[in-house]
Amino acid sequence: MELLDRYLKAIRTYLPDAQKDDIINELSENLLSQIEDKEEQLRRPLNEGEIEALLRAHGHPLIVAGRYRHDERTLPSASN
């Protein structure tokens, strides 16, 4: 599934280095499960357009990766 691989690769570029492999494995399993569920429901393999729609519904790679980023930055104090 070339489209899925490209999607996961795009997400990977925005992930924290220490967690890239774990997060991509988790996302891959989740997305493959969604694809399989949909194929079972339709009783046929999904075409590329249907896979693309599923990935679009999942979110832009930057936004998906942002769900896994835990920046420790805080706003400056207002009492300066």
PDB file of N, CA and C in Angstrom:
ATOM      1  N   MET A   1       0.833  -1.176   0.000  1.00  0.00           N
ATOM      2  CA  MET A   1       0.000   0.000   0.000  1.00  0.00           C
ATOM      3  C   MET A   1       0.881   1.245   0.000  1.00  0.00           C
ATOM      4  N   GLU A   2       1.220   1.627  -1.184  1.00  0.00           N
ATOM      5  CA  GLU A   2       2.146   2.747  -1.357  1.00  0.00           C
ATOM      6  C   GLU A   2       1.619   4.038  -0.734  1.00  0.00           C
ATOM      7  N   LEU A   3       0.338   4.290  -0.882  1.00  0.00           N
ATOM      8  CA  LEU A   3      -0.250   5.515  -0.349  1.00  0.00           C
ATOM      9  C   LEU A   3      -0.128   5.558   1.175  1.00  0.00           C
ATOM     10  N   LEU A   4      -0.417   4.456   1.829  1.00  0.00           N
ATOM     11  CA  LEU A   4      -0.287   4.374   3.283  1.00  0.00           C
ATOM     12  C   LEU A   4       1.164   4.564   3.699  1.00  0.00           C
ATOM     13  N   ASP A   5       2.089   3.936   2.992  1.00  0.00           N
ATOM     14  CA  ASP A   5       3.511   4.076   3.313  1.00  0.00           C
ATOM     15  C   ASP A   5       3.976   5.520   3.206  1.00  0.00           C
ATOM     16  N   ARG A   6       3.530   6.212   2.157  1.00  0.00           N
ATOM     17  CA  ARG A   6       3.913   7.621   1.986  1.00  0.00           C
ATOM     18  C   ARG A   6       3.317   8.482   3.096  1.00  0.00           C
ATOM     19  N   TYR A   7       2.096   8.181   3.483  1.00  0.00           N
ATOM     20  CA  TYR A   7       1.429   8.921   4.561  1.00  0.00           C
ATOM     21  C   TYR A   7       2.197   8.754   5.875  1.00  0.00           C
ATOM     22  N   LEU A   8       2.533   7.520   6.200  1.00  0.00           N
ATOM     23  CA  LEU A   8       3.272   7.253   7.432  1.00  0.00           C
ATOM     24  C   LEU A   8       4.665   7.886   7.396  1.00  0.00           C
ATOM     25  N   LYS A   9       5.308   7.864   6.240  1.00  0.00           N
ATOM     26  CA  LYS A   9       6.630   8.481   6.095  1.00  0.00           C
ATOM     27  C   LYS A   9       6.539   9.987   6.324  1.00  0.00           C
ATOM     28  N   ALA A  10       5.478  10.607   5.822  1.00  0.00           N
ATOM     29  CA  ALA A  10       5.288  12.044   6.024  1.00  0.00           C
ATOM     30  C   ALA A  10       5.085  12.362   7.506  1.00  0.00           C
ATOM     31  N   ILE A  11       4.308  11.563   8.189  1.00  0.00           N
ATOM     32  CA  ILE A  11       4.087  11.769   9.629  1.00  0.00           C
ATOM     33  C   ILE A  11       5.398  11.603  10.373  1.00  0.00           C
ATOM     34  N   ARG A  12       6.148  10.598  10.018  1.00  0.00           N
ATOM     35  CA  ARG A  12       7.406  10.267  10.692  1.00  0.00           C
ATOM     36  C   ARG A  12       8.367  11.457  10.737  1.00  0.00           C
ATOM     37  N   THR A  13       8.388  12.266   9.694  1.00  0.00           N
ATOM     38  CA  THR A  13       9.329  13.383   9.648  1.00  0.00           C
ATOM     39  C   THR A  13       9.056  14.418  10.734  1.00  0.00           C
ATOM     40  N   TYR A  14       7.847  14.458  11.265  1.00  0.00           N
ATOM     41  CA  TYR A  14       7.482  15.445  12.277  1.00  0.00           C
ATOM     42  C   TYR A  14       7.471  14.902  13.707  1.00  0.00           C
ATOM     43  N   LEU A  15       7.801  13.641  13.874  1.00  0.00           N
ATOM     44  CA  LEU A  15       7.730  13.018  15.197  1.00  0.00           C
ATOM     45  C   LEU A  15       9.032  13.180  15.984  1.00  0.00           C
ATOM     46  N   PRO A  16       8.934  13.134  17.318  1.00  0.00           N
ATOM     47  CA  PRO A  16      10.146  13.151  18.144  1.00  0.00           C
ATOM     48  C   PRO A  16      11.004  11.924  17.832  1.00  0.00           C
ATOM     49  N   ASP A  17      12.298  12.127  17.673  1.00  0.00           N
ATOM     50  CA  ASP A  17      13.203  11.054  17.267  1.00  0.00           C
ATOM     51  C   ASP A  17      13.096   9.811  18.142  1.00  0.00           C
ATOM     52  N   ALA A  18      13.025   9.995  19.435  1.00  0.00           N
ATOM     53  CA  ALA A  18      13.040   8.861  20.361  1.00  0.00           C
ATOM     54  C   ALA A  18      11.803   7.975  20.244  1.00  0.00           C
ATOM     55  N   GLN A  19      10.719   8.496  19.678  1.00  0.00           N
ATOM     56  CA  GLN A  19       9.474   7.745  19.652  1.00  0.00           C
ATOM     57  C   GLN A  19       8.999   7.394  18.249  1.00  0.00           C
ATOM     58  N   LYS A  20       9.752   7.757  17.230  1.00  0.00           N
ATOM     59  CA  LYS A  20       9.303   7.576  15.847  1.00  0.00           C
ATOM     60  C   LYS A  20       8.842   6.157  15.550  1.00  0.00           C
ATOM     61  N   ASP A  21       9.675   5.180  15.848  1.00  0.00           N
ATOM     62  CA  ASP A  21       9.353   3.792  15.496  1.00  0.00           C
ATOM     63  C   ASP A  21       8.090   3.300  16.196  1.00  0.00           C
ATOM     64  N   ASP A  22       7.984   3.575  17.488  1.00  0.00           N
ATOM     65  CA  ASP A  22       6.814   3.114  18.244  1.00  0.00           C
ATOM     66  C   ASP A  22       5.529   3.754  17.736  1.00  0.00           C
ATOM     67  N   ILE A  23       5.579   5.047  17.480  1.00  0.00           N
ATOM     68  CA  ILE A  23       4.389   5.756  17.029  1.00  0.00           C
ATOM     69  C   ILE A  23       3.978   5.298  15.638  1.00  0.00           C
ATOM     70  N   ILE A  24       4.940   5.158  14.737  1.00  0.00           N
ATOM     71  CA  ILE A  24       4.627   4.720  13.377  1.00  0.00           C
ATOM     72  C   ILE A  24       4.063   3.304  13.389  1.00  0.00           C
ATOM     73  N   ASN A  25       4.622   2.425  14.202  1.00  0.00           N
ATOM     74  CA  ASN A  25       4.081   1.066  14.303  1.00  0.00           C
ATOM     75  C   ASN A  25       2.638   1.084  14.798  1.00  0.00           C
ATOM     76  N   GLU A  26       2.370   1.904  15.804  1.00  0.00           N
ATOM     77  CA  GLU A  26       1.015   2.010  16.347  1.00  0.00           C
ATOM     78  C   GLU A  26       0.051   2.567  15.303  1.00  0.00           C
ATOM     79  N   LEU A  27       0.455   3.647  14.640  1.00  0.00           N
ATOM     80  CA  LEU A  27      -0.398   4.236  13.605  1.00  0.00           C
ATOM     81  C   LEU A  27      -0.634   3.277  12.452  1.00  0.00           C
ATOM     82  N   SER A  28       0.407   2.589  12.043  1.00  0.00           N
ATOM     83  CA  SER A  28       0.292   1.642  10.937  1.00  0.00           C
ATOM     84  C   SER A  28      -0.723   0.549  11.262  1.00  0.00           C
ATOM     85  N   GLU A  29      -0.613  -0.016  12.458  1.00  0.00           N
ATOM     86  CA  GLU A  29      -1.552  -1.058  12.875  1.00  0.00           C
ATOM     87  C   GLU A  29      -2.981  -0.524  12.921  1.00  0.00           C
ATOM     88  N   ASN A  30      -3.140   0.689  13.438  1.00  0.00           N
ATOM     89  CA  ASN A  30      -4.460   1.293  13.542  1.00  0.00           C
ATOM     90  C   ASN A  30      -5.068   1.531  12.168  1.00  0.00           C
ATOM     91  N   LEU A  31      -4.289   2.103  11.262  1.00  0.00           N
ATOM     92  CA  LEU A  31      -4.797   2.402   9.924  1.00  0.00           C
ATOM     93  C   LEU A  31      -5.072   1.134   9.128  1.00  0.00           C
ATOM     94  N   LEU A  32      -4.188   0.145   9.239  1.00  0.00           N
ATOM     95  CA  LEU A  32      -4.429  -1.123   8.547  1.00  0.00           C
ATOM     96  C   LEU A  32      -5.700  -1.790   9.055  1.00  0.00           C
ATOM     97  N   SER A  33      -5.937  -1.686  10.346  1.00  0.00           N
ATOM     98  CA  SER A  33      -7.154  -2.249  10.928  1.00  0.00           C
ATOM     99  C   SER A  33      -8.388  -1.534  10.379  1.00  0.00           C
ATOM    100  N   GLN A  34      -8.315  -0.212  10.255  1.00  0.00           N
ATOM    101  CA  GLN A  34      -9.436   0.549   9.699  1.00  0.00           C
ATOM    102  C   GLN A  34      -9.682   0.155   8.242  1.00  0.00           C
ATOM    103  N   ILE A  35      -8.610  -0.010   7.491  1.00  0.00           N
ATOM    104  CA  ILE A  35      -8.727  -0.416   6.084  1.00  0.00           C
ATOM    105  C   ILE A  35      -9.362  -1.801   5.991  1.00  0.00           C
ATOM    106  N   GLU A  36      -8.872  -2.730   6.810  1.00  0.00           N
ATOM    107  CA  GLU A  36      -9.420  -4.090   6.796  1.00  0.00           C
ATOM    108  C   GLU A  36     -10.893  -4.102   7.186  1.00  0.00           C
ATOM    109  N   ASP A  37     -11.249  -3.308   8.192  1.00  0.00           N
ATOM    110  CA  ASP A  37     -12.656  -3.230   8.614  1.00  0.00           C
ATOM    111  C   ASP A  37     -13.549  -2.724   7.484  1.00  0.00           C
ATOM    112  N   LYS A  38     -13.070  -1.697   6.799  1.00  0.00           N
ATOM    113  CA  LYS A  38     -13.846  -1.122   5.696  1.00  0.00           C
ATOM    114  C   LYS A  38     -13.963  -2.123   4.542  1.00  0.00           C
ATOM    115  N   GLU A  39     -12.861  -2.833   4.259  1.00  0.00           N
ATOM    116  CA  GLU A  39     -12.893  -3.841   3.197  1.00  0.00           C
ATOM    117  C   GLU A  39     -13.862  -4.967   3.547  1.00  0.00           C
ATOM    118  N   GLU A  40     -13.872  -5.343   4.797  1.00  0.00           N
ATOM    119  CA  GLU A  40     -14.794  -6.395   5.231  1.00  0.00           C
ATOM    120  C   GLU A  40     -16.238  -5.916   5.107  1.00  0.00           C
ATOM    121  N   GLN A  41     -16.468  -4.667   5.464  1.00  0.00           N
ATOM    122  CA  GLN A  41     -17.806  -4.091   5.373  1.00  0.00           C
ATOM    123  C   GLN A  41     -18.274  -4.040   3.911  1.00  0.00           C
ATOM    124  N   LEU A  42     -17.367  -3.657   3.010  1.00  0.00           N
ATOM    125  CA  LEU A  42     -17.713  -3.544   1.596  1.00  0.00           C
ATOM    126  C   LEU A  42     -17.597  -4.871   0.840  1.00  0.00           C
ATOM    127  N   ARG A  43     -16.936  -5.838   1.478  1.00  0.00           N
ATOM    128  CA  ARG A  43     -16.692  -7.159   0.880  1.00  0.00           C
ATOM    129  C   ARG A  43     -15.864  -7.079  -0.399  1.00  0.00           C
ATOM    130  N   ARG A  44     -14.894  -6.150  -0.378  1.00  0.00           N
ATOM    131  CA  ARG A  44     -13.964  -6.013  -1.499  1.00  0.00           C
ATOM    132  C   ARG A  44     -12.789  -5.148  -1.052  1.00  0.00           C
ATOM    133  N   PRO A  45     -11.677  -5.241  -1.758  1.00  0.00           N
ATOM    134  CA  PRO A  45     -10.534  -4.371  -1.427  1.00  0.00           C
ATOM    135  C   PRO A  45     -10.878  -2.906  -1.709  1.00  0.00           C
ATOM    136  N   LEU A  46     -10.316  -2.022  -0.905  1.00  0.00           N
ATOM    137  CA  LEU A  46     -10.506  -0.599  -1.156  1.00  0.00           C
ATOM    138  C   LEU A  46      -9.657  -0.173  -2.345  1.00  0.00           C
ATOM    139  N   ASN A  47     -10.185   0.762  -3.106  1.00  0.00           N
ATOM    140  CA  ASN A  47      -9.381   1.309  -4.187  1.00  0.00           C
ATOM    141  C   ASN A  47      -8.557   2.476  -3.640  1.00  0.00           C
ATOM    142  N   GLU A  48      -7.679   3.002  -4.465  1.00  0.00           N
ATOM    143  CA  GLU A  48      -6.768   4.047  -4.005  1.00  0.00           C
ATOM    144  C   GLU A  48      -7.522   5.294  -3.527  1.00  0.00           C
ATOM    145  N   GLY A  49      -8.592   5.656  -4.209  1.00  0.00           N
ATOM    146  CA  GLY A  49      -9.383   6.816  -3.802  1.00  0.00           C
ATOM    147  C   GLY A  49     -10.017   6.639  -2.435  1.00  0.00           C
ATOM    148  N   GLU A  50     -10.466   5.433  -2.140  1.00  0.00           N
ATOM    149  CA  GLU A  50     -11.070   5.154  -0.835  1.00  0.00           C
ATOM    150  C   GLU A  50     -10.026   5.172   0.278  1.00  0.00           C
ATOM    151  N   ILE A  51      -8.848   4.656  -0.015  1.00  0.00           N
ATOM    152  CA  ILE A  51      -7.758   4.698   0.967  1.00  0.00           C
ATOM    153  C   ILE A  51      -7.351   6.145   1.208  1.00  0.00           C
ATOM    154  N   GLU A  52      -7.275   6.920   0.133  1.00  0.00           N
ATOM    155  CA  GLU A  52      -6.928   8.337   0.266  1.00  0.00           C
ATOM    156  C   GLU A  52      -7.955   9.067   1.129  1.00  0.00           C
ATOM    157  N   ALA A  53      -9.224   8.784   0.937  1.00  0.00           N
ATOM    158  CA  ALA A  53     -10.280   9.411   1.734  1.00  0.00           C
ATOM    159  C   ALA A  53     -10.144   9.037   3.216  1.00  0.00           C
ATOM    160  N   LEU A  54      -9.814   7.784   3.486  1.00  0.00           N
ATOM    161  CA  LEU A  54      -9.626   7.341   4.859  1.00  0.00           C
ATOM    162  C   LEU A  54      -8.455   8.085   5.501  1.00  0.00           C
ATOM    163  N   LEU A  55      -7.363   8.245   4.753  1.00  0.00           N
ATOM    164  CA  LEU A  55      -6.189   8.938   5.288  1.00  0.00           C
ATOM    165  C   LEU A  55      -6.481  10.425   5.491  1.00  0.00           C
ATOM    166  N   ARG A  56      -7.207  11.020   4.569  1.00  0.00           N
ATOM    167  CA  ARG A  56      -7.589  12.436   4.723  1.00  0.00           C
ATOM    168  C   ARG A  56      -8.439  12.614   5.985  1.00  0.00           C
ATOM    169  N   ALA A  57      -9.333  11.689   6.223  1.00  0.00           N
ATOM    170  CA  ALA A  57     -10.182  11.763   7.414  1.00  0.00           C
ATOM    171  C   ALA A  57      -9.358  11.614   8.686  1.00  0.00           C
ATOM    172  N   HIS A  58      -8.271  10.883   8.595  1.00  0.00           N
ATOM    173  CA  HIS A  58      -7.399  10.689   9.750  1.00  0.00           C
ATOM    174  C   HIS A  58      -6.655  11.964  10.087  1.00  0.00           C
ATOM    175  N   GLY A  59      -6.340  12.763   9.087  1.00  0.00           N
ATOM    176  CA  GLY A  59      -5.719  14.062   9.338  1.00  0.00           C
ATOM    177  C   GLY A  59      -4.446  14.287   8.558  1.00  0.00           C
ATOM    178  N   HIS A  60      -4.111  15.562   8.394  1.00  0.00           N
ATOM    179  CA  HIS A  60      -2.868  15.958   7.743  1.00  0.00           C
ATOM    180  C   HIS A  60      -1.695  15.422   8.563  1.00  0.00           C
ATOM    181  N   PRO A  61      -0.636  14.945   7.908  1.00  0.00           N
ATOM    182  CA  PRO A  61       0.511  14.384   8.641  1.00  0.00           C
ATOM    183  C   PRO A  61       1.066  15.296   9.738  1.00  0.00           C
ATOM    184  N   LEU A  62       1.125  16.579   9.496  1.00  0.00           N
ATOM    185  CA  LEU A  62       1.642  17.507  10.496  1.00  0.00           C
ATOM    186  C   LEU A  62       0.741  17.550  11.724  1.00  0.00           C
ATOM    187  N   ILE A  63      -0.557  17.525  11.506  1.00  0.00           N
ATOM    188  CA  ILE A  63      -1.511  17.557  12.617  1.00  0.00           C
ATOM    189  C   ILE A  63      -1.484  16.242  13.390  1.00  0.00           C
ATOM    190  N   VAL A  64      -1.419  15.133  12.657  1.00  0.00           N
ATOM    191  CA  VAL A  64      -1.354  13.822  13.318  1.00  0.00           C
ATOM    192  C   VAL A  64      -0.095  13.730  14.173  1.00  0.00           C
ATOM    193  N   ALA A  65       1.025  14.137  13.625  1.00  0.00           N
ATOM    194  CA  ALA A  65       2.283  14.100  14.383  1.00  0.00           C
ATOM    195  C   ALA A  65       2.203  15.019  15.595  1.00  0.00           C
ATOM    196  N   GLY A  66       1.529  16.149  15.450  1.00  0.00           N
ATOM    197  CA  GLY A  66       1.394  17.087  16.561  1.00  0.00           C
ATOM    198  C   GLY A  66       0.686  16.491  17.756  1.00  0.00           C
ATOM    199  N   ARG A  67      -0.170  15.523  17.525  1.00  0.00           N
ATOM    200  CA  ARG A  67      -0.862  14.847  18.637  1.00  0.00           C
ATOM    201  C   ARG A  67       0.115  14.069  19.511  1.00  0.00           C
ATOM    202  N   TYR A  68       1.273  13.751  18.961  1.00  0.00           N
ATOM    203  CA  TYR A  68       2.249  12.949  19.686  1.00  0.00           C
ATOM    204  C   TYR A  68       3.424  13.766  20.216  1.00  0.00           C
ATOM    205  N   ARG A  69       3.456  15.041  19.902  1.00  0.00           N
ATOM    206  CA  ARG A  69       4.539  15.904  20.386  1.00  0.00           C
ATOM    207  C   ARG A  69       4.159  16.432  21.756  1.00  0.00           C
ATOM    208  N   HIS A  70       5.097  16.363  22.663  1.00  0.00           N
ATOM    209  CA  HIS A  70       4.855  16.856  24.018  1.00  0.00           C
ATOM    210  C   HIS A  70       5.902  17.911  24.338  1.00  0.00           C
ATOM    211  N   ASP A  71       5.750  19.079  23.714  1.00  0.00           N
ATOM    212  CA  ASP A  71       6.693  20.162  23.964  1.00  0.00           C
ATOM    213  C   ASP A  71       6.513  20.659  25.390  1.00  0.00           C
ATOM    214  N   GLU A  72       7.611  20.912  26.037  1.00  0.00           N
ATOM    215  CA  GLU A  72       7.592  21.367  27.424  1.00  0.00           C
ATOM    216  C   GLU A  72       7.598  22.890  27.510  1.00  0.00           C
ATOM    217  N   ARG A  73       7.453  23.553  26.392  1.00  0.00           N
ATOM    218  CA  ARG A  73       7.497  25.005  26.396  1.00  0.00           C
ATOM    219  C   ARG A  73       6.266  25.581  27.091  1.00  0.00           C
ATOM    220  N   THR A  74       6.475  26.678  27.779  1.00  0.00           N
ATOM    221  CA  THR A  74       5.369  27.360  28.418  1.00  0.00           C
ATOM    222  C   THR A  74       5.372  28.813  28.000  1.00  0.00           C
ATOM    223  N   LEU A  75       4.267  29.475  28.213  1.00  0.00           N
ATOM    224  CA  LEU A  75       4.175  30.895  27.908  1.00  0.00           C
ATOM    225  C   LEU A  75       4.891  31.694  28.982  1.00  0.00           C
ATOM    226  N   PRO A  76       5.464  32.835  28.605  1.00  0.00           N
ATOM    227  CA  PRO A  76       6.119  33.689  29.618  1.00  0.00           C
ATOM    228  C   PRO A  76       5.109  34.175  30.642  1.00  0.00           C
ATOM    229  N   SER A  77       5.579  34.385  31.824  1.00  0.00           N
ATOM    230  CA  SER A  77       4.729  34.864  32.898  1.00  0.00           C
ATOM    231  C   SER A  77       4.282  36.297  32.628  1.00  0.00           C
ATOM    232  N   ALA A  78       3.053  36.627  32.958  1.00  0.00           N
ATOM    233  CA  ALA A  78       2.524  37.969  32.736  1.00  0.00           C
ATOM    234  C   ALA A  78       2.922  38.922  33.859  1.00  0.00           C
ATOM    235  N   SER A  79       3.583  38.432  34.875  1.00  0.00           N
ATOM    236  CA  SER A  79       3.929  39.284  36.029  1.00  0.00           C
ATOM    237  C   SER A  79       5.364  39.778  35.948  1.00  0.00           C
ATOM    238  N   ASN A  80       5.766  40.362  34.833  1.00  0.00           N
ATOM    239  CA  ASN A  80       7.124  40.900  34.676  1.00  0.00           C
ATOM    240  C   ASN A  80       7.202  42.298  35.112  1.00  0.00           C
TER     241      ASN A  80
END
